[in-house]
Amino acid sequence: MAWTWRYLQDDGTVVPPERVSGGGDGSGFLTQSEAESWLGERWRALADAGVDAVILLEESREVYGPMSLHPPD
């Protein structure tokens, strides 16, 4: 199974991975744990690149999200 991240803007618009400089494409993880660890290391770069939230996918199934990359108010 392939685990990937889908990037979103606040309005729900999908941000294509190629538009996210410095964050990487967030795809091709063998396990959920690898995908989550990767996000833990790169969430700030993703937020700086204009990503507001992420969704974790296993193949095409949404596992959870959208999860905000912004700190709570």
C-alpha atoms as a PDB file:
ATOM      1  CA  MET A   1       0.000   0.000   0.000  1.00  0.00           C
ATOM      2  CA  ALA A   2       1.141   3.537  -0.720  1.00  0.00           C
ATOM      3  CA  TRP A   3       0.563   6.286   1.813  1.00  0.00           C
ATOM      4  CA  THR A   4       0.455   9.886   0.609  1.00  0.00           C
ATOM      5  CA  TRP A   5      -0.480  13.367   1.760  1.00  0.00           C
ATOM      6  CA  ARG A   6      -2.943  15.633  -0.051  1.00  0.00           C
ATOM      7  CA  TYR A   7      -2.290  19.344   0.483  1.00  0.00           C
ATOM      8  CA  LEU A   8      -5.118  21.864   0.873  1.00  0.00           C
ATOM      9  CA  GLN A   9      -5.622  25.608   1.088  1.00  0.00           C
ATOM     10  CA  ASP A  10      -8.077  27.052   3.646  1.00  0.00           C
ATOM     11  CA  ASP A  11     -10.883  27.067   1.086  1.00  0.00           C
ATOM     12  CA  GLY A  12     -10.414  23.340   0.356  1.00  0.00           C
ATOM     13  CA  THR A  13      -8.574  23.835  -2.927  1.00  0.00           C
ATOM     14  CA  VAL A  14      -6.013  21.088  -3.525  1.00  0.00           C
ATOM     15  CA  VAL A  15      -2.439  22.345  -3.754  1.00  0.00           C
ATOM     16  CA  PRO A  16      -0.500  20.291  -6.325  1.00  0.00           C
ATOM     17  CA  PRO A  17       2.686  18.773  -4.825  1.00  0.00           C
ATOM     18  CA  GLU A  18       4.842  20.395  -7.498  1.00  0.00           C
ATOM     19  CA  ARG A  19       3.763  23.835  -6.199  1.00  0.00           C
ATOM     20  CA  VAL A  20       5.092  23.069  -2.727  1.00  0.00           C
ATOM     21  CA  SER A  21       8.743  24.037  -2.737  1.00  0.00           C
ATOM     22  CA  GLY A  22      10.880  22.895   0.164  1.00  0.00           C
ATOM     23  CA  GLY A  23       8.248  20.562   1.546  1.00  0.00           C
ATOM     24  CA  GLY A  24       8.636  17.622  -0.788  1.00  0.00           C
ATOM     25  CA  ASP A  25       5.859  15.751  -2.455  1.00  0.00           C
ATOM     26  CA  GLY A  26       4.630  13.688   0.510  1.00  0.00           C
ATOM     27  CA  SER A  27       4.134  10.502  -1.460  1.00  0.00           C
ATOM     28  CA  GLY A  28       5.351   6.961  -1.656  1.00  0.00           C
ATOM     29  CA  PHE A  29       5.487   5.993   2.001  1.00  0.00           C
ATOM     30  CA  LEU A  30       5.282   2.288   2.803  1.00  0.00           C
ATOM     31  CA  THR A  31       3.599   2.756   6.186  1.00  0.00           C
ATOM     32  CA  GLN A  32       1.332   5.218   7.938  1.00  0.00           C
ATOM     33  CA  SER A  33       4.032   5.759  10.548  1.00  0.00           C
ATOM     34  CA  GLU A  34       6.583   6.804   7.885  1.00  0.00           C
ATOM     35  CA  ALA A  35       4.104   9.255   6.382  1.00  0.00           C
ATOM     36  CA  GLU A  36       3.281  10.777   9.773  1.00  0.00           C
ATOM     37  CA  SER A  37       6.951  11.066  10.761  1.00  0.00           C
ATOM     38  CA  TRP A  38       7.713  12.804   7.467  1.00  0.00           C
ATOM     39  CA  LEU A  39       4.894  15.302   8.076  1.00  0.00           C
ATOM     40  CA  GLY A  40       6.164  15.924  11.612  1.00  0.00           C
ATOM     41  CA  GLU A  41       9.519  16.954  10.175  1.00  0.00           C
ATOM     42  CA  ARG A  42       8.182  19.108   7.330  1.00  0.00           C
ATOM     43  CA  TRP A  43       4.887  20.666   8.413  1.00  0.00           C
ATOM     44  CA  ARG A  44       6.429  24.120   8.929  1.00  0.00           C
ATOM     45  CA  ALA A  45       7.955  24.165   5.425  1.00  0.00           C
ATOM     46  CA  LEU A  46       4.618  23.067   4.003  1.00  0.00           C
ATOM     47  CA  ALA A  47       2.765  25.816   5.886  1.00  0.00           C
ATOM     48  CA  ASP A  48       5.335  28.371   4.695  1.00  0.00           C
ATOM     49  CA  ALA A  49       4.728  27.164   1.131  1.00  0.00           C
ATOM     50  CA  GLY A  50       0.998  27.926   1.398  1.00  0.00           C
ATOM     51  CA  VAL A  51      -0.402  24.595   2.576  1.00  0.00           C
ATOM     52  CA  ASP A  52      -3.081  25.149   5.224  1.00  0.00           C
ATOM     53  CA  ALA A  53      -4.175  21.552   5.868  1.00  0.00           C
ATOM     54  CA  VAL A  54      -3.383  17.974   4.874  1.00  0.00           C
ATOM     55  CA  ILE A  55      -5.284  14.751   4.340  1.00  0.00           C
ATOM     56  CA  LEU A  56      -3.624  11.348   4.784  1.00  0.00           C
ATOM     57  CA  LEU A  57      -4.439   8.836   2.055  1.00  0.00           C
ATOM     58  CA  GLU A  58      -3.890   5.093   1.866  1.00  0.00           C
ATOM     59  CA  GLU A  59      -4.001   4.496  -1.880  1.00  0.00           C
ATOM     60  CA  SER A  60      -7.157   6.508  -2.719  1.00  0.00           C
ATOM     61  CA  ARG A  61      -8.900   6.092   0.689  1.00  0.00           C
ATOM     62  CA  GLU A  62      -8.913   9.104   3.004  1.00  0.00           C
ATOM     63  CA  VAL A  63      -7.641   7.918   6.388  1.00  0.00           C
ATOM     64  CA  TYR A  64      -7.993  11.236   8.230  1.00  0.00           C
ATOM     65  CA  GLY A  65      -8.052  14.949   7.735  1.00  0.00           C
ATOM     66  CA  PRO A  66      -8.217  17.618   6.824  1.00  0.00           C
ATOM     67  CA  MET A  67      -5.748  18.413   9.568  1.00  0.00           C
ATOM     68  CA  SER A  68      -4.680  22.028   9.942  1.00  0.00           C
ATOM     69  CA  LEU A  69      -0.994  22.951   9.817  1.00  0.00           C
ATOM     70  CA  HIS A  70      -1.655  26.138  11.779  1.00  0.00           C
ATOM     71  CA  PRO A  71      -1.320  26.308  15.568  1.00  0.00           C
ATOM     72  CA  PRO A  72      -4.614  26.599  17.466  1.00  0.00           C
ATOM     73  CA  ASP A  73      -5.734  30.140  18.328  1.00  0.00           C
END
